[in-house]
Amino acid sequence: MWWVSGVDTPPRRCLTSRVTELDVAVDPASPEPPYLQVRAQVEALIRGGRLVPGDRLPTVRGLATDLGLAANTVARAYKELEAAGLVETRGRAGTVVASGEHAAEAALGVLAERFVAAARAAGVADSAAVEIVRRAQRRV
């Protein structure tokens, strides 16, 4: 945390309405380079299902300004995310979350959480809910 390390300023954050709950912070006192901090946080949002395929990321320049970084720093983070297959750059249309395996896993994770919540709300034991899923797998 920034206050523990003795740095006088808190990490700069970017919250934007263009992207579903994009919350990225860069800690200037971290030994990790800023581009890696941005990359890791955006990747976590994608893999966690908070950003879904088609969600638009802020422009490189816009995010860099919001975070107090050089545009090349954010561009490097985006380039690495693109190389990992997590985002696609569509020229003037900007950078968007790519569809792929991570998207399916994230969507299934959200559905699984909803199923568990519904089963518990209905009073179904976790073991019985798992058996319901296994029966469904055998039928499909």
Protein backbone atom coordinates (compact mmCIF):
# COMPACT_ATOMS: atom_id res chain seq x y z
CA MET A 1 0.00 0.00 0.00
CA TRP A 2 1.22 3.50 -0.79
CA TRP A 3 0.86 4.80 2.75
CA VAL A 4 2.98 1.96 4.15
CA SER A 5 5.87 2.56 1.78
CA GLY A 6 6.18 6.23 2.73
CA VAL A 7 5.15 7.68 -0.61
CA ASP A 8 3.25 10.95 -0.23
CA THR A 9 0.74 10.42 -3.01
CA PRO A 10 -1.82 7.65 -3.37
CA PRO A 11 -1.91 5.47 -6.47
CA ARG A 12 -3.65 7.14 -9.41
CA ARG A 13 -6.88 5.46 -10.45
CA CYS A 14 -9.02 5.37 -13.56
CA LEU A 15 -12.75 4.80 -13.31
CA THR A 16 -14.54 5.19 -16.59
CA SER A 17 -18.14 4.75 -17.60
CA ARG A 18 -17.18 3.55 -21.09
CA VAL A 19 -16.12 0.19 -19.71
CA THR A 20 -17.95 -2.05 -17.28
CA GLU A 21 -16.58 -1.13 -13.85
CA LEU A 22 -13.01 -0.66 -15.06
CA ASP A 23 -10.99 0.08 -11.95
CA VAL A 24 -7.26 0.32 -12.56
CA ALA A 25 -4.70 1.79 -10.18
CA VAL A 26 -0.97 2.30 -10.51
CA ASP A 27 1.14 2.34 -7.37
CA PRO A 28 4.21 4.53 -7.98
CA ALA A 29 6.00 2.89 -5.04
CA SER A 30 5.60 -0.63 -6.42
CA PRO A 31 8.72 -2.36 -7.72
CA GLU A 32 6.56 -3.71 -10.57
CA PRO A 33 6.69 -1.50 -13.68
CA PRO A 34 3.50 0.50 -14.33
CA TYR A 35 2.76 -1.27 -17.63
CA LEU A 36 2.75 -4.62 -15.81
CA GLN A 37 0.44 -3.23 -13.13
CA VAL A 38 -2.02 -2.05 -15.78
CA ARG A 39 -1.75 -5.30 -17.73
CA ALA A 40 -2.29 -7.50 -14.66
CA GLN A 41 -5.31 -5.54 -13.45
CA VAL A 42 -7.04 -5.48 -16.84
CA GLU A 43 -6.29 -9.19 -17.29
CA ALA A 44 -7.81 -9.92 -13.87
CA LEU A 45 -10.95 -7.98 -14.82
CA ILE A 46 -11.26 -9.99 -18.04
CA ARG A 47 -10.54 -13.40 -16.54
CA GLY A 48 -12.82 -12.62 -13.60
CA GLY A 49 -15.71 -11.88 -15.95
CA ARG A 50 -16.06 -8.20 -15.01
CA LEU A 51 -15.08 -7.30 -18.56
CA VAL A 52 -16.75 -9.37 -21.26
CA PRO A 53 -16.16 -9.77 -24.99
CA GLY A 54 -16.98 -6.57 -26.83
CA ASP A 55 -16.43 -4.28 -23.82
CA ARG A 56 -14.44 -1.30 -24.98
CA LEU A 57 -11.30 -0.27 -23.11
CA PRO A 58 -10.36 3.38 -22.72
CA THR A 59 -8.09 4.83 -25.36
CA VAL A 60 -4.38 4.53 -24.72
CA ARG A 61 -4.07 8.29 -24.40
CA GLY A 62 -7.14 8.59 -22.17
CA LEU A 63 -6.06 5.89 -19.73
CA ALA A 64 -2.50 7.21 -19.68
CA THR A 65 -3.76 10.69 -18.81
CA ASP A 66 -6.08 9.38 -16.08
CA LEU A 67 -3.29 7.35 -14.51
CA GLY A 68 -0.55 9.95 -14.95
CA LEU A 69 1.46 7.67 -17.23
CA ALA A 70 3.12 8.04 -20.59
CA ALA A 71 0.98 6.86 -23.50
CA ASN A 72 3.71 4.36 -24.46
CA THR A 73 3.35 2.71 -21.04
CA VAL A 74 -0.35 2.00 -21.55
CA ALA A 75 0.26 1.06 -25.19
CA ARG A 76 2.74 -1.58 -24.04
CA ALA A 77 0.22 -3.01 -21.57
CA TYR A 78 -2.45 -3.16 -24.30
CA LYS A 79 0.02 -4.73 -26.74
CA GLU A 80 0.81 -7.50 -24.25
CA LEU A 81 -2.90 -8.06 -23.57
CA GLU A 82 -3.43 -8.35 -27.32
CA ALA A 83 -0.53 -10.81 -27.67
CA ALA A 84 -2.17 -12.91 -24.95
CA GLY A 85 -5.41 -12.93 -26.94
CA LEU A 86 -7.36 -11.04 -24.29
CA VAL A 87 -8.08 -7.87 -26.28
CA GLU A 88 -8.30 -6.85 -29.93
CA THR A 89 -7.31 -3.52 -31.37
CA ARG A 90 -9.76 -2.40 -34.04
CA GLY A 91 -8.06 0.71 -35.36
CA ARG A 92 -10.28 3.75 -34.90
CA ALA A 93 -12.89 1.60 -33.13
CA GLY A 94 -10.46 1.20 -30.24
CA THR A 95 -9.46 -1.72 -28.10
CA VAL A 96 -12.10 -4.23 -27.04
CA VAL A 97 -12.15 -7.40 -24.98
CA ALA A 98 -11.69 -10.34 -27.34
CA SER A 99 -13.87 -13.40 -27.42
CA GLY A 100 -12.13 -16.65 -26.64
CA GLU A 101 -11.68 -19.40 -24.09
CA HIS A 102 -11.33 -16.92 -21.23
CA ALA A 103 -14.72 -15.47 -22.13
CA ALA A 104 -16.46 -18.83 -22.02
CA GLU A 105 -14.87 -19.70 -18.69
CA ALA A 106 -15.81 -16.33 -17.20
CA ALA A 107 -19.40 -16.62 -18.43
CA LEU A 108 -19.71 -20.16 -17.09
CA GLY A 109 -18.28 -18.98 -13.77
CA VAL A 110 -20.99 -16.34 -13.50
CA LEU A 111 -23.67 -18.90 -14.38
CA ALA A 112 -22.25 -21.33 -11.81
CA GLU A 113 -22.38 -18.66 -9.11
CA ARG A 114 -26.00 -17.91 -9.99
CA PHE A 115 -26.85 -21.62 -9.91
CA VAL A 116 -25.27 -22.05 -6.48
CA ALA A 117 -27.09 -18.98 -5.14
CA ALA A 118 -30.43 -20.23 -6.55
CA ALA A 119 -29.88 -23.73 -5.17
CA ARG A 120 -29.03 -22.42 -1.70
CA ALA A 121 -31.99 -20.02 -1.77
CA ALA A 122 -34.21 -23.02 -2.58
CA GLY A 123 -32.73 -24.94 0.35
CA VAL A 124 -30.89 -27.47 -1.81
CA ALA A 125 -27.74 -28.87 -0.20
CA ASP A 126 -24.47 -28.28 -2.09
CA SER A 127 -24.00 -32.03 -2.60
CA ALA A 128 -27.50 -32.32 -4.08
CA ALA A 129 -26.82 -29.35 -6.37
CA VAL A 130 -23.65 -31.02 -7.63
CA GLU A 131 -25.64 -34.18 -8.33
CA ILE A 132 -28.18 -32.12 -10.31
CA VAL A 133 -25.33 -30.85 -12.50
CA ARG A 134 -23.95 -34.38 -12.98
CA ARG A 135 -27.39 -35.65 -14.06
CA ALA A 136 -27.65 -32.79 -16.53
CA GLN A 137 -24.21 -33.65 -17.93
CA ARG A 138 -25.29 -37.25 -18.52
CA ARG A 139 -28.41 -36.10 -20.38
CA VAL A 140 -26.59 -33.73 -22.70
